[in-house]
Amino acid sequence: MSGYALPLLLAVASAAMLYFCCVRPIRRGTAGHAGPAREAAVRSCCGAPGAQTAPDTDVDAEIKRLREEVRLLRCEADLRSDDTGHPVKGEIR
């Protein structure tokens, strides 16, 4: 009997944590991944306020900067390739 008590207790505890940390915030609409109409408040994926440190505007600016960097790298790679799209022999490392 005691061999079943600990696994059963752990299963019940994990189900309770899942409900309180994920299901309940999603049902109330306060989860951090609720979609584009989310508040500007800083939230984690499970809705715990203050779990993230960077505001959304900083993240959006970083994404924009990285996309521009990827675009520039692709343009640079195109300049280093011949007409077939393969790298020029001298450029292969």
N, C-alpha and C. Protein backbone atom coordinates (compact mmCIF):
# COMPACT_ATOMS: atom_id res chain seq x y z
N MET A 1 0.83 -1.20 0.00
CA MET A 1 0.00 0.00 0.00
C MET A 1 0.87 1.26 0.00
N SER A 2 1.95 1.27 0.78
CA SER A 2 2.77 2.48 0.85
C SER A 2 3.55 2.70 -0.44
N GLY A 3 3.72 1.67 -1.27
CA GLY A 3 4.39 1.82 -2.56
C GLY A 3 3.56 2.63 -3.55
N TYR A 4 2.27 2.72 -3.34
CA TYR A 4 1.40 3.49 -4.22
C TYR A 4 1.12 4.90 -3.69
N ALA A 5 1.39 5.14 -2.43
CA ALA A 5 1.04 6.42 -1.82
C ALA A 5 1.88 7.57 -2.38
N LEU A 6 3.19 7.39 -2.46
CA LEU A 6 4.06 8.47 -2.94
C LEU A 6 3.79 8.81 -4.41
N PRO A 7 3.73 7.84 -5.32
CA PRO A 7 3.42 8.21 -6.72
C PRO A 7 2.05 8.87 -6.87
N LEU A 8 1.07 8.39 -6.12
CA LEU A 8 -0.26 8.99 -6.17
C LEU A 8 -0.23 10.42 -5.66
N LEU A 9 0.49 10.65 -4.56
CA LEU A 9 0.62 11.99 -4.00
C LEU A 9 1.32 12.93 -4.99
N LEU A 10 2.37 12.45 -5.65
CA LEU A 10 3.08 13.27 -6.63
C LEU A 10 2.20 13.59 -7.85
N ALA A 11 1.39 12.63 -8.28
CA ALA A 11 0.49 12.88 -9.41
C ALA A 11 -0.55 13.92 -9.06
N VAL A 12 -1.10 13.85 -7.85
CA VAL A 12 -2.10 14.83 -7.42
C VAL A 12 -1.47 16.21 -7.28
N ALA A 13 -0.26 16.27 -6.72
CA ALA A 13 0.42 17.55 -6.55
C ALA A 13 0.76 18.18 -7.91
N SER A 14 1.21 17.37 -8.87
CA SER A 14 1.53 17.93 -10.18
C SER A 14 0.27 18.40 -10.92
N ALA A 15 -0.83 17.68 -10.76
CA ALA A 15 -2.09 18.11 -11.38
C ALA A 15 -2.57 19.42 -10.77
N ALA A 16 -2.40 19.58 -9.47
CA ALA A 16 -2.80 20.83 -8.81
C ALA A 16 -1.93 21.99 -9.28
N MET A 17 -0.62 21.76 -9.41
CA MET A 17 0.27 22.82 -9.89
C MET A 17 -0.07 23.21 -11.33
N LEU A 18 -0.36 22.23 -12.16
CA LEU A 18 -0.75 22.51 -13.54
C LEU A 18 -2.00 23.38 -13.58
N TYR A 19 -2.98 23.06 -12.75
CA TYR A 19 -4.22 23.83 -12.74
C TYR A 19 -3.96 25.26 -12.27
N PHE A 20 -3.27 25.43 -11.14
CA PHE A 20 -3.10 26.77 -10.57
C PHE A 20 -2.13 27.63 -11.37
N CYS A 21 -1.13 27.04 -12.00
CA CYS A 21 -0.13 27.84 -12.71
C CYS A 21 -0.45 28.05 -14.19
N CYS A 22 -1.20 27.15 -14.80
CA CYS A 22 -1.41 27.25 -16.25
C CYS A 22 -2.89 27.32 -16.64
N VAL A 23 -3.68 26.38 -16.19
CA VAL A 23 -5.07 26.30 -16.66
C VAL A 23 -5.90 27.48 -16.13
N ARG A 24 -5.79 27.77 -14.87
CA ARG A 24 -6.59 28.84 -14.28
C ARG A 24 -6.26 30.21 -14.90
N PRO A 25 -4.96 30.59 -15.05
CA PRO A 25 -4.69 31.88 -15.71
C PRO A 25 -5.17 31.93 -17.16
N ILE A 26 -5.09 30.81 -17.88
CA ILE A 26 -5.56 30.81 -19.26
C ILE A 26 -7.08 31.00 -19.30
N ARG A 27 -7.80 30.33 -18.42
CA ARG A 27 -9.26 30.47 -18.41
C ARG A 27 -9.69 31.87 -18.01
N ARG A 28 -8.92 32.52 -17.14
CA ARG A 28 -9.25 33.89 -16.73
C ARG A 28 -8.79 34.92 -17.75
N GLY A 29 -7.95 34.48 -18.71
CA GLY A 29 -7.46 35.40 -19.74
C GLY A 29 -6.28 36.23 -19.29
N THR A 30 -5.58 35.82 -18.26
CA THR A 30 -4.44 36.59 -17.77
C THR A 30 -3.12 35.92 -18.07
N ALA A 31 -3.11 34.91 -18.94
CA ALA A 31 -1.86 34.25 -19.29
C ALA A 31 -1.02 35.18 -20.14
N GLY A 32 0.30 35.08 -20.05
CA GLY A 32 1.21 35.95 -20.78
C GLY A 32 1.18 35.73 -22.27
N HIS A 33 0.71 34.59 -22.75
CA HIS A 33 0.68 34.31 -24.17
C HIS A 33 -0.74 34.36 -24.72
N ALA A 34 -1.51 35.32 -24.25
CA ALA A 34 -2.93 35.41 -24.60
C ALA A 34 -3.16 35.94 -26.01
N GLY A 35 -2.13 36.45 -26.68
CA GLY A 35 -2.29 36.92 -28.05
C GLY A 35 -1.92 38.37 -28.20
N PRO A 36 -2.24 38.97 -29.35
CA PRO A 36 -1.81 40.34 -29.62
C PRO A 36 -2.50 41.39 -28.75
N ALA A 37 -3.63 41.06 -28.15
CA ALA A 37 -4.33 42.04 -27.33
C ALA A 37 -3.89 42.00 -25.87
N ARG A 38 -2.72 41.41 -25.62
CA ARG A 38 -2.26 41.30 -24.23
C ARG A 38 -1.87 42.67 -23.68
N GLU A 39 -1.87 42.77 -22.38
CA GLU A 39 -1.52 44.03 -21.74
C GLU A 39 -0.02 44.26 -21.85
N ALA A 40 0.41 45.48 -21.60
CA ALA A 40 1.83 45.78 -21.64
C ALA A 40 2.54 45.32 -20.37
N ALA A 41 1.79 44.80 -19.42
CA ALA A 41 2.39 44.33 -18.18
C ALA A 41 3.33 43.17 -18.47
N VAL A 42 4.39 43.10 -17.68
CA VAL A 42 5.38 42.06 -17.86
C VAL A 42 4.90 40.80 -17.18
N ARG A 43 4.79 39.70 -17.95
CA ARG A 43 4.29 38.44 -17.42
C ARG A 43 5.13 37.30 -17.98
N SER A 44 5.13 36.20 -17.28
CA SER A 44 5.78 35.01 -17.81
C SER A 44 4.76 34.23 -18.63
N CYS A 45 5.16 33.08 -19.17
CA CYS A 45 4.24 32.31 -19.99
C CYS A 45 3.09 31.74 -19.16
N CYS A 46 3.27 31.62 -17.86
CA CYS A 46 2.20 31.07 -17.02
C CYS A 46 1.42 32.16 -16.31
N GLY A 47 1.69 33.43 -16.59
CA GLY A 47 0.90 34.50 -16.05
C GLY A 47 1.39 35.07 -14.73
N ALA A 48 2.54 34.64 -14.25
CA ALA A 48 3.07 35.18 -13.00
C ALA A 48 3.63 36.58 -13.27
N PRO A 49 3.08 37.62 -12.64
CA PRO A 49 3.57 38.97 -12.91
C PRO A 49 4.99 39.15 -12.40
N GLY A 50 5.80 39.89 -13.18
CA GLY A 50 7.15 40.21 -12.77
C GLY A 50 8.17 39.12 -13.04
N ALA A 51 7.81 38.04 -13.71
CA ALA A 51 8.75 36.96 -13.94
C ALA A 51 9.72 37.30 -15.06
N GLN A 52 9.33 38.17 -16.00
CA GLN A 52 10.20 38.61 -17.07
C GLN A 52 10.79 39.95 -16.68
N THR A 53 11.96 40.30 -17.26
CA THR A 53 12.58 41.56 -16.90
C THR A 53 12.50 42.60 -18.01
N ALA A 54 12.43 42.19 -19.27
CA ALA A 54 12.44 43.15 -20.37
C ALA A 54 11.01 43.47 -20.81
N PRO A 55 10.68 44.76 -20.93
CA PRO A 55 9.35 45.11 -21.43
C PRO A 55 9.20 44.72 -22.90
N ASP A 56 7.97 44.65 -23.36
CA ASP A 56 7.69 44.23 -24.73
C ASP A 56 8.34 45.15 -25.77
N THR A 57 8.43 46.44 -25.47
CA THR A 57 9.01 47.37 -26.45
C THR A 57 10.48 47.07 -26.68
N ASP A 58 11.22 46.70 -25.64
CA ASP A 58 12.63 46.34 -25.80
C ASP A 58 12.76 45.06 -26.61
N VAL A 59 11.90 44.12 -26.38
CA VAL A 59 11.94 42.86 -27.13
C VAL A 59 11.61 43.12 -28.59
N ASP A 60 10.61 43.94 -28.86
CA ASP A 60 10.24 44.26 -30.24
C ASP A 60 11.38 44.98 -30.96
N ALA A 61 12.05 45.89 -30.27
CA ALA A 61 13.17 46.61 -30.88
C ALA A 61 14.32 45.65 -31.17
N GLU A 62 14.58 44.71 -30.29
CA GLU A 62 15.64 43.72 -30.50
C GLU A 62 15.30 42.81 -31.68
N ILE A 63 14.05 42.40 -31.80
CA ILE A 63 13.63 41.57 -32.93
C ILE A 63 13.81 42.34 -34.24
N LYS A 64 13.43 43.61 -34.25
CA LYS A 64 13.57 44.43 -35.45
C LYS A 64 15.04 44.57 -35.83
N ARG A 65 15.91 44.78 -34.84
CA ARG A 65 17.34 44.93 -35.10
C ARG A 65 17.93 43.63 -35.65
N LEU A 66 17.53 42.49 -35.08
CA LEU A 66 18.05 41.21 -35.53
C LEU A 66 17.55 40.85 -36.94
N ARG A 67 16.31 41.20 -37.25
CA ARG A 67 15.80 40.96 -38.60
C ARG A 67 16.57 41.77 -39.63
N GLU A 68 16.91 43.00 -39.29
CA GLU A 68 17.70 43.84 -40.20
C GLU A 68 19.09 43.24 -40.38
N GLU A 69 19.68 42.73 -39.30
CA GLU A 69 21.00 42.11 -39.39
C GLU A 69 20.96 40.87 -40.27
N VAL A 70 19.92 40.06 -40.16
CA VAL A 70 19.77 38.87 -41.01
C VAL A 70 19.63 39.29 -42.47
N ARG A 71 18.85 40.35 -42.72
CA ARG A 71 18.68 40.83 -44.09
C ARG A 71 20.01 41.28 -44.68
N LEU A 72 20.81 42.00 -43.90
CA LEU A 72 22.12 42.44 -44.38
C LEU A 72 23.06 41.27 -44.63
N LEU A 73 23.02 40.27 -43.77
CA LEU A 73 23.87 39.10 -43.97
C LEU A 73 23.47 38.32 -45.22
N ARG A 74 22.17 38.24 -45.49
CA ARG A 74 21.73 37.56 -46.71
C ARG A 74 22.15 38.33 -47.95
N CYS A 75 22.07 39.64 -47.91
CA CYS A 75 22.52 40.46 -49.04
C CYS A 75 24.02 40.28 -49.26
N GLU A 76 24.78 40.24 -48.18
CA GLU A 76 26.23 40.04 -48.27
C GLU A 76 26.54 38.66 -48.86
N ALA A 77 25.79 37.65 -48.46
CA ALA A 77 26.00 36.31 -49.01
C ALA A 77 25.65 36.27 -50.49
N ASP A 78 24.63 37.01 -50.91
CA ASP A 78 24.27 37.07 -52.33
C ASP A 78 25.38 37.73 -53.15
N LEU A 79 26.03 38.76 -52.58
CA LEU A 79 27.11 39.42 -53.29
C LEU A 79 28.32 38.51 -53.44
N ARG A 80 28.52 37.57 -52.54
CA ARG A 80 29.66 36.67 -52.59
C ARG A 80 29.39 35.43 -53.45
N SER A 81 28.21 35.28 -53.98
CA SER A 81 27.89 34.10 -54.78
C SER A 81 27.92 34.45 -56.27
N ASP A 82 28.08 33.41 -57.10
CA ASP A 82 28.03 33.63 -58.55
C ASP A 82 26.58 33.60 -59.03
N ASP A 83 26.37 33.54 -60.33
CA ASP A 83 25.01 33.58 -60.89
C ASP A 83 24.17 32.37 -60.51
N THR A 84 24.80 31.24 -60.20
CA THR A 84 24.05 30.04 -59.86
C THR A 84 23.63 30.00 -58.40
N GLY A 85 24.12 30.92 -57.59
CA GLY A 85 23.77 30.93 -56.17
C GLY A 85 24.76 30.19 -55.31
N HIS A 86 25.79 29.59 -55.94
CA HIS A 86 26.81 28.88 -55.17
C HIS A 86 27.93 29.84 -54.79
N PRO A 87 28.60 29.62 -53.65
CA PRO A 87 29.69 30.51 -53.26
C PRO A 87 30.84 30.46 -54.26
N VAL A 88 31.52 31.58 -54.42
CA VAL A 88 32.69 31.65 -55.29
C VAL A 88 33.80 30.82 -54.65
N LYS A 89 34.62 30.11 -55.47
CA LYS A 89 35.61 29.19 -54.93
C LYS A 89 36.56 29.84 -53.94
N GLY A 90 36.97 31.05 -54.17
CA GLY A 90 37.90 31.73 -53.27
C GLY A 90 37.27 32.06 -51.92
N GLU A 91 35.96 32.07 -51.84
CA GLU A 91 35.27 32.45 -50.62
C GLU A 91 34.93 31.26 -49.71
N ILE A 92 35.12 30.03 -50.22
CA ILE A 92 34.80 28.85 -49.40
C ILE A 92 35.88 28.67 -48.35
N ARG A 93 35.46 28.50 -47.11
CA ARG A 93 36.42 28.37 -46.02
C ARG A 93 36.26 27.04 -45.37
